[in-house]
Amino acid sequence: MKSFLIKDTTREEREKIIAGSLDCGGKGCENCSSCWLGGGSPFEMYQPYIDGEKEISEINAEYNARYVHG
């Protein structure tokens, strides 16, 4: 399995990773919950990864932190 880290991928590969992971590119909602839980467009949410600014794990941790209370 290939690494999904920014250092190991091109922008084009990262776009494909996100599109393939979300699988909602115009085909209808796949119930990822991003939109209705305040994440907004899932593609916008992961744009920093596509742009090479943040890893997927960082984006997910920031998103989850809004809902985890402890």
PDB file of N, CA and C in Angstrom:
ATOM      1  N   MET A   1       0.837  -1.171   0.000  1.00  0.00           N
ATOM      2  CA  MET A   1       0.000   0.000   0.000  1.00  0.00           C
ATOM      3  C   MET A   1       0.887   1.242   0.000  1.00  0.00           C
ATOM      4  N   LYS A   2       0.565   2.155  -0.870  1.00  0.00           N
ATOM      5  CA  LYS A   2       1.345   3.375  -1.000  1.00  0.00           C
ATOM      6  C   LYS A   2       1.007   4.345   0.125  1.00  0.00           C
ATOM      7  N   SER A   3       1.985   5.098   0.541  1.00  0.00           N
ATOM      8  CA  SER A   3       1.801   6.106   1.578  1.00  0.00           C
ATOM      9  C   SER A   3       0.919   7.242   1.068  1.00  0.00           C
ATOM     10  N   PHE A   4       0.087   7.768   1.954  1.00  0.00           N
ATOM     11  CA  PHE A   4      -0.758   8.910   1.627  1.00  0.00           C
ATOM     12  C   PHE A   4      -0.173  10.214   2.160  1.00  0.00           C
ATOM     13  N   LEU A   5       1.015  10.159   2.727  1.00  0.00           N
ATOM     14  CA  LEU A   5       1.636  11.364   3.274  1.00  0.00           C
ATOM     15  C   LEU A   5       1.944  12.362   2.161  1.00  0.00           C
ATOM     16  N   ILE A   6       1.889  13.624   2.509  1.00  0.00           N
ATOM     17  CA  ILE A   6       2.147  14.688   1.535  1.00  0.00           C
ATOM     18  C   ILE A   6       3.502  14.496   0.874  1.00  0.00           C
ATOM     19  N   LYS A   7       4.507  14.154   1.669  1.00  0.00           N
ATOM     20  CA  LYS A   7       5.861  14.024   1.122  1.00  0.00           C
ATOM     21  C   LYS A   7       5.978  12.892   0.095  1.00  0.00           C
ATOM     22  N   ASP A   8       5.019  11.968   0.109  1.00  0.00           N
ATOM     23  CA  ASP A   8       5.072  10.812  -0.775  1.00  0.00           C
ATOM     24  C   ASP A   8       4.080  10.883  -1.935  1.00  0.00           C
ATOM     25  N   THR A   9       3.375  12.003  -2.074  1.00  0.00           N
ATOM     26  CA  THR A   9       2.346  12.121  -3.102  1.00  0.00           C
ATOM     27  C   THR A   9       2.460  13.439  -3.856  1.00  0.00           C
ATOM     28  N   THR A  10       1.922  13.433  -5.053  1.00  0.00           N
ATOM     29  CA  THR A  10       1.818  14.664  -5.831  1.00  0.00           C
ATOM     30  C   THR A  10       0.445  15.274  -5.574  1.00  0.00           C
ATOM     31  N   ARG A  11       0.272  16.505  -5.963  1.00  0.00           N
ATOM     32  CA  ARG A  11      -1.030  17.153  -5.805  1.00  0.00           C
ATOM     33  C   ARG A  11      -2.111  16.351  -6.538  1.00  0.00           C
ATOM     34  N   GLU A  12      -1.802  15.914  -7.749  1.00  0.00           N
ATOM     35  CA  GLU A  12      -2.768  15.136  -8.524  1.00  0.00           C
ATOM     36  C   GLU A  12      -3.150  13.847  -7.797  1.00  0.00           C
ATOM     37  N   GLU A  13      -2.180  13.176  -7.208  1.00  0.00           N
ATOM     38  CA  GLU A  13      -2.462  11.957  -6.450  1.00  0.00           C
ATOM     39  C   GLU A  13      -3.340  12.265  -5.237  1.00  0.00           C
ATOM     40  N   ARG A  14      -3.055  13.380  -4.550  1.00  0.00           N
ATOM     41  CA  ARG A  14      -3.856  13.751  -3.382  1.00  0.00           C
ATOM     42  C   ARG A  14      -5.290  14.065  -3.778  1.00  0.00           C
ATOM     43  N   GLU A  15      -5.485  14.716  -4.913  1.00  0.00           N
ATOM     44  CA  GLU A  15      -6.848  14.981  -5.400  1.00  0.00           C
ATOM     45  C   GLU A  15      -7.583  13.670  -5.644  1.00  0.00           C
ATOM     46  N   LYS A  16      -6.911  12.702  -6.247  1.00  0.00           N
ATOM     47  CA  LYS A  16      -7.522  11.401  -6.516  1.00  0.00           C
ATOM     48  C   LYS A  16      -7.807  10.642  -5.223  1.00  0.00           C
ATOM     49  N   ILE A  17      -6.914  10.756  -4.253  1.00  0.00           N
ATOM     50  CA  ILE A  17      -7.111  10.090  -2.966  1.00  0.00           C
ATOM     51  C   ILE A  17      -8.375  10.610  -2.296  1.00  0.00           C
ATOM     52  N   ILE A  18      -8.531  11.919  -2.263  1.00  0.00           N
ATOM     53  CA  ILE A  18      -9.711  12.510  -1.617  1.00  0.00           C
ATOM     54  C   ILE A  18     -10.969  12.186  -2.411  1.00  0.00           C
ATOM     55  N   ALA A  19     -10.940  12.364  -3.708  1.00  0.00           N
ATOM     56  CA  ALA A  19     -12.119  12.060  -4.528  1.00  0.00           C
ATOM     57  C   ALA A  19     -12.513  10.595  -4.383  1.00  0.00           C
ATOM     58  N   GLY A  20     -11.545   9.712  -4.395  1.00  0.00           N
ATOM     59  CA  GLY A  20     -11.826   8.290  -4.260  1.00  0.00           C
ATOM     60  C   GLY A  20     -12.308   7.911  -2.868  1.00  0.00           C
ATOM     61  N   SER A  21     -11.802   8.586  -1.866  1.00  0.00           N
ATOM     62  CA  SER A  21     -12.197   8.291  -0.493  1.00  0.00           C
ATOM     63  C   SER A  21     -13.608   8.762  -0.201  1.00  0.00           C
ATOM     64  N   LEU A  22     -13.955   9.918  -0.717  1.00  0.00           N
ATOM     65  CA  LEU A  22     -15.270  10.481  -0.446  1.00  0.00           C
ATOM     66  C   LEU A  22     -16.319   9.939  -1.399  1.00  0.00           C
ATOM     67  N   ASP A  23     -15.904   9.623  -2.606  1.00  0.00           N
ATOM     68  CA  ASP A  23     -16.764   9.026  -3.620  1.00  0.00           C
ATOM     69  C   ASP A  23     -18.117   9.722  -3.751  1.00  0.00           C
ATOM     70  N   CYS A  24     -18.116  11.042  -3.637  1.00  0.00           N
ATOM     71  CA  CYS A  24     -19.387  11.749  -3.796  1.00  0.00           C
ATOM     72  C   CYS A  24     -19.288  12.772  -4.928  1.00  0.00           C
ATOM     73  N   GLY A  25     -18.309  12.653  -5.768  1.00  0.00           N
ATOM     74  CA  GLY A  25     -18.094  13.593  -6.851  1.00  0.00           C
ATOM     75  C   GLY A  25     -19.235  13.660  -7.841  1.00  0.00           C
ATOM     76  N   GLY A  26     -20.340  14.267  -7.441  1.00  0.00           N
ATOM     77  CA  GLY A  26     -21.458  14.457  -8.338  1.00  0.00           C
ATOM     78  C   GLY A  26     -22.403  13.277  -8.429  1.00  0.00           C
ATOM     79  N   LYS A  27     -22.121  12.198  -7.719  1.00  0.00           N
ATOM     80  CA  LYS A  27     -22.958  11.001  -7.788  1.00  0.00           C
ATOM     81  C   LYS A  27     -23.960  10.945  -6.647  1.00  0.00           C
ATOM     82  N   GLY A  28     -23.988  11.952  -5.840  1.00  0.00           N
ATOM     83  CA  GLY A  28     -24.900  11.947  -4.698  1.00  0.00           C
ATOM     84  C   GLY A  28     -24.155  11.717  -3.405  1.00  0.00           C
ATOM     85  N   CYS A  29     -24.818  11.998  -2.333  1.00  0.00           N
ATOM     86  CA  CYS A  29     -24.209  11.897  -1.005  1.00  0.00           C
ATOM     87  C   CYS A  29     -23.983  10.441  -0.620  1.00  0.00           C
ATOM     88  N   GLU A  30     -22.826  10.180  -0.083  1.00  0.00           N
ATOM     89  CA  GLU A  30     -22.513   8.845   0.426  1.00  0.00           C
ATOM     90  C   GLU A  30     -22.572   8.817   1.947  1.00  0.00           C
ATOM     91  N   ASN A  31     -23.260   9.822   2.534  1.00  0.00           N
ATOM     92  CA  ASN A  31     -23.498   9.880   3.970  1.00  0.00           C
ATOM     93  C   ASN A  31     -22.229   9.922   4.818  1.00  0.00           C
ATOM     94  N   CYS A  32     -21.266  10.724   4.409  1.00  0.00           N
ATOM     95  CA  CYS A  32     -20.048  10.855   5.212  1.00  0.00           C
ATOM     96  C   CYS A  32     -20.272  11.767   6.413  1.00  0.00           C
ATOM     97  N   SER A  33     -21.372  12.506   6.439  1.00  0.00           N
ATOM     98  CA  SER A  33     -21.788  13.372   7.543  1.00  0.00           C
ATOM     99  C   SER A  33     -21.037  14.690   7.620  1.00  0.00           C
ATOM    100  N   SER A  34     -20.088  14.916   6.767  1.00  0.00           N
ATOM    101  CA  SER A  34     -19.314  16.153   6.832  1.00  0.00           C
ATOM    102  C   SER A  34     -20.195  17.388   6.668  1.00  0.00           C
ATOM    103  N   CYS A  35     -21.073  17.375   5.695  1.00  0.00           N
ATOM    104  CA  CYS A  35     -21.897  18.556   5.415  1.00  0.00           C
ATOM    105  C   CYS A  35     -22.807  18.916   6.583  1.00  0.00           C
ATOM    106  N   TRP A  36     -23.589  17.969   7.034  1.00  0.00           N
ATOM    107  CA  TRP A  36     -24.590  18.289   8.041  1.00  0.00           C
ATOM    108  C   TRP A  36     -24.038  18.341   9.456  1.00  0.00           C
ATOM    109  N   LEU A  37     -22.796  17.920   9.679  1.00  0.00           N
ATOM    110  CA  LEU A  37     -22.187  18.058  10.994  1.00  0.00           C
ATOM    111  C   LEU A  37     -21.319  19.308  11.094  1.00  0.00           C
ATOM    112  N   GLY A  38     -21.439  20.184  10.116  1.00  0.00           N
ATOM    113  CA  GLY A  38     -20.716  21.443  10.198  1.00  0.00           C
ATOM    114  C   GLY A  38     -19.362  21.440   9.527  1.00  0.00           C
ATOM    115  N   GLY A  39     -19.000  20.354   8.885  1.00  0.00           N
ATOM    116  CA  GLY A  39     -17.719  20.290   8.199  1.00  0.00           C
ATOM    117  C   GLY A  39     -17.739  21.009   6.869  1.00  0.00           C
ATOM    118  N   GLY A  40     -18.941  21.285   6.380  1.00  0.00           N
ATOM    119  CA  GLY A  40     -19.057  21.902   5.067  1.00  0.00           C
ATOM    120  C   GLY A  40     -18.749  20.890   3.992  1.00  0.00           C
ATOM    121  N   SER A  41     -18.427  21.392   2.843  1.00  0.00           N
ATOM    122  CA  SER A  41     -18.088  20.506   1.739  1.00  0.00           C
ATOM    123  C   SER A  41     -16.893  19.645   2.125  1.00  0.00           C
ATOM    124  N   PRO A  42     -17.000  18.336   1.971  1.00  0.00           N
ATOM    125  CA  PRO A  42     -15.863  17.491   2.313  1.00  0.00           C
ATOM    126  C   PRO A  42     -14.640  17.806   1.454  1.00  0.00           C
ATOM    127  N   PHE A  43     -14.861  18.252   0.224  1.00  0.00           N
ATOM    128  CA  PHE A  43     -13.716  18.598  -0.616  1.00  0.00           C
ATOM    129  C   PHE A  43     -13.026  19.850  -0.104  1.00  0.00           C
ATOM    130  N   GLU A  44     -13.800  20.813   0.385  1.00  0.00           N
ATOM    131  CA  GLU A  44     -13.202  22.015   0.981  1.00  0.00           C
ATOM    132  C   GLU A  44     -12.483  21.661   2.278  1.00  0.00           C
ATOM    133  N   MET A  45     -13.066  20.750   3.034  1.00  0.00           N
ATOM    134  CA  MET A  45     -12.477  20.340   4.308  1.00  0.00           C
ATOM    135  C   MET A  45     -11.075  19.755   4.099  1.00  0.00           C
ATOM    136  N   TYR A  46     -10.901  19.005   3.023  1.00  0.00           N
ATOM    137  CA  TYR A  46      -9.608  18.360   2.761  1.00  0.00           C
ATOM    138  C   TYR A  46      -8.719  19.145   1.792  1.00  0.00           C
ATOM    139  N   GLN A  47      -9.118  20.341   1.440  1.00  0.00           N
ATOM    140  CA  GLN A  47      -8.309  21.161   0.534  1.00  0.00           C
ATOM    141  C   GLN A  47      -6.894  21.414   1.068  1.00  0.00           C
ATOM    142  N   PRO A  48      -6.715  21.646   2.379  1.00  0.00           N
ATOM    143  CA  PRO A  48      -5.346  21.825   2.880  1.00  0.00           C
ATOM    144  C   PRO A  48      -4.455  20.605   2.625  1.00  0.00           C
ATOM    145  N   TYR A  49      -5.031  19.415   2.613  1.00  0.00           N
ATOM    146  CA  TYR A  49      -4.253  18.219   2.280  1.00  0.00           C
ATOM    147  C   TYR A  49      -3.889  18.242   0.803  1.00  0.00           C
ATOM    148  N   ILE A  50      -4.858  18.516  -0.026  1.00  0.00           N
ATOM    149  CA  ILE A  50      -4.602  18.570  -1.463  1.00  0.00           C
ATOM    150  C   ILE A  50      -3.528  19.606  -1.773  1.00  0.00           C
ATOM    151  N   ASP A  51      -3.583  20.743  -1.066  1.00  0.00           N
ATOM    152  CA  ASP A  51      -2.607  21.826  -1.278  1.00  0.00           C
ATOM    153  C   ASP A  51      -1.256  21.541  -0.643  1.00  0.00           C
ATOM    154  N   GLY A  52      -1.139  20.437   0.095  1.00  0.00           N
ATOM    155  CA  GLY A  52       0.139  20.078   0.715  1.00  0.00           C
ATOM    156  C   GLY A  52       0.418  20.822   2.002  1.00  0.00           C
ATOM    157  N   GLU A  53      -0.624  21.326   2.659  1.00  0.00           N
ATOM    158  CA  GLU A  53      -0.450  22.122   3.876  1.00  0.00           C
ATOM    159  C   GLU A  53      -0.640  21.316   5.156  1.00  0.00           C
ATOM    160  N   LYS A  54      -1.542  20.347   5.153  1.00  0.00           N
ATOM    161  CA  LYS A  54      -1.837  19.536   6.337  1.00  0.00           C
ATOM    162  C   LYS A  54      -2.059  18.096   5.914  1.00  0.00           C
ATOM    163  N   GLU A  55      -1.641  17.186   6.773  1.00  0.00           N
ATOM    164  CA  GLU A  55      -1.873  15.771   6.526  1.00  0.00           C
ATOM    165  C   GLU A  55      -3.346  15.440   6.813  1.00  0.00           C
ATOM    166  N   ILE A  56      -3.823  14.361   6.232  1.00  0.00           N
ATOM    167  CA  ILE A  56      -5.195  13.910   6.462  1.00  0.00           C
ATOM    168  C   ILE A  56      -5.438  13.713   7.958  1.00  0.00           C
ATOM    169  N   SER A  57      -4.484  13.125   8.644  1.00  0.00           N
ATOM    170  CA  SER A  57      -4.659  12.868  10.081  1.00  0.00           C
ATOM    171  C   SER A  57      -4.836  14.157  10.871  1.00  0.00           C
ATOM    172  N   GLU A  58      -4.158  15.220  10.484  1.00  0.00           N
ATOM    173  CA  GLU A  58      -4.310  16.506  11.166  1.00  0.00           C
ATOM    174  C   GLU A  58      -5.710  17.077  10.952  1.00  0.00           C
ATOM    175  N   ILE A  59      -6.194  17.001   9.725  1.00  0.00           N
ATOM    176  CA  ILE A  59      -7.533  17.514   9.405  1.00  0.00           C
ATOM    177  C   ILE A  59      -8.587  16.720  10.160  1.00  0.00           C
ATOM    178  N   ASN A  60      -8.448  15.409  10.172  1.00  0.00           N
ATOM    179  CA  ASN A  60      -9.405  14.564  10.887  1.00  0.00           C
ATOM    180  C   ASN A  60      -9.387  14.855  12.387  1.00  0.00           C
ATOM    181  N   ALA A  61      -8.199  15.040  12.961  1.00  0.00           N
ATOM    182  CA  ALA A  61      -8.090  15.323  14.393  1.00  0.00           C
ATOM    183  C   ALA A  61      -8.747  16.655  14.736  1.00  0.00           C
ATOM    184  N   GLU A  62      -8.536  17.672  13.903  1.00  0.00           N
ATOM    185  CA  GLU A  62      -9.164  18.975  14.136  1.00  0.00           C
ATOM    186  C   GLU A  62     -10.688  18.867  14.055  1.00  0.00           C
ATOM    187  N   TYR A  63     -11.170  18.135  13.092  1.00  0.00           N
ATOM    188  CA  TYR A  63     -12.610  17.957  12.916  1.00  0.00           C
ATOM    189  C   TYR A  63     -13.200  17.216  14.119  1.00  0.00           C
ATOM    190  N   ASN A  64     -12.560  16.124  14.516  1.00  0.00           N
ATOM    191  CA  ASN A  64     -13.061  15.325  15.626  1.00  0.00           C
ATOM    192  C   ASN A  64     -12.998  16.067  16.949  1.00  0.00           C
ATOM    193  N   ALA A  65     -12.017  16.944  17.116  1.00  0.00           N
ATOM    194  CA  ALA A  65     -11.860  17.690  18.369  1.00  0.00           C
ATOM    195  C   ALA A  65     -13.080  18.541  18.679  1.00  0.00           C
ATOM    196  N   ARG A  66     -13.807  18.935  17.656  1.00  0.00           N
ATOM    197  CA  ARG A  66     -15.006  19.748  17.870  1.00  0.00           C
ATOM    198  C   ARG A  66     -16.114  18.947  18.536  1.00  0.00           C
ATOM    199  N   TYR A  67     -16.060  17.637  18.453  1.00  0.00           N
ATOM    200  CA  TYR A  67     -17.137  16.793  18.942  1.00  0.00           C
ATOM    201  C   TYR A  67     -16.769  15.922  20.134  1.00  0.00           C
ATOM    202  N   VAL A  68     -15.496  15.915  20.496  1.00  0.00           N
ATOM    203  CA  VAL A  68     -15.035  15.117  21.626  1.00  0.00           C
ATOM    204  C   VAL A  68     -14.864  16.048  22.813  1.00  0.00           C
ATOM    205  N   HIS A  69     -15.545  15.734  23.876  1.00  0.00           N
ATOM    206  CA  HIS A  69     -15.440  16.530  25.106  1.00  0.00           C
ATOM    207  C   HIS A  69     -14.874  15.649  26.194  1.00  0.00           C
ATOM    208  N   GLY A  70     -13.919  16.191  26.891  1.00  0.00           N
ATOM    209  CA  GLY A  70     -13.361  15.328  27.922  1.00  0.00           C
ATOM    210  C   GLY A  70     -12.623  16.064  28.960  1.00  0.00           C
TER     211      GLY A  70
END
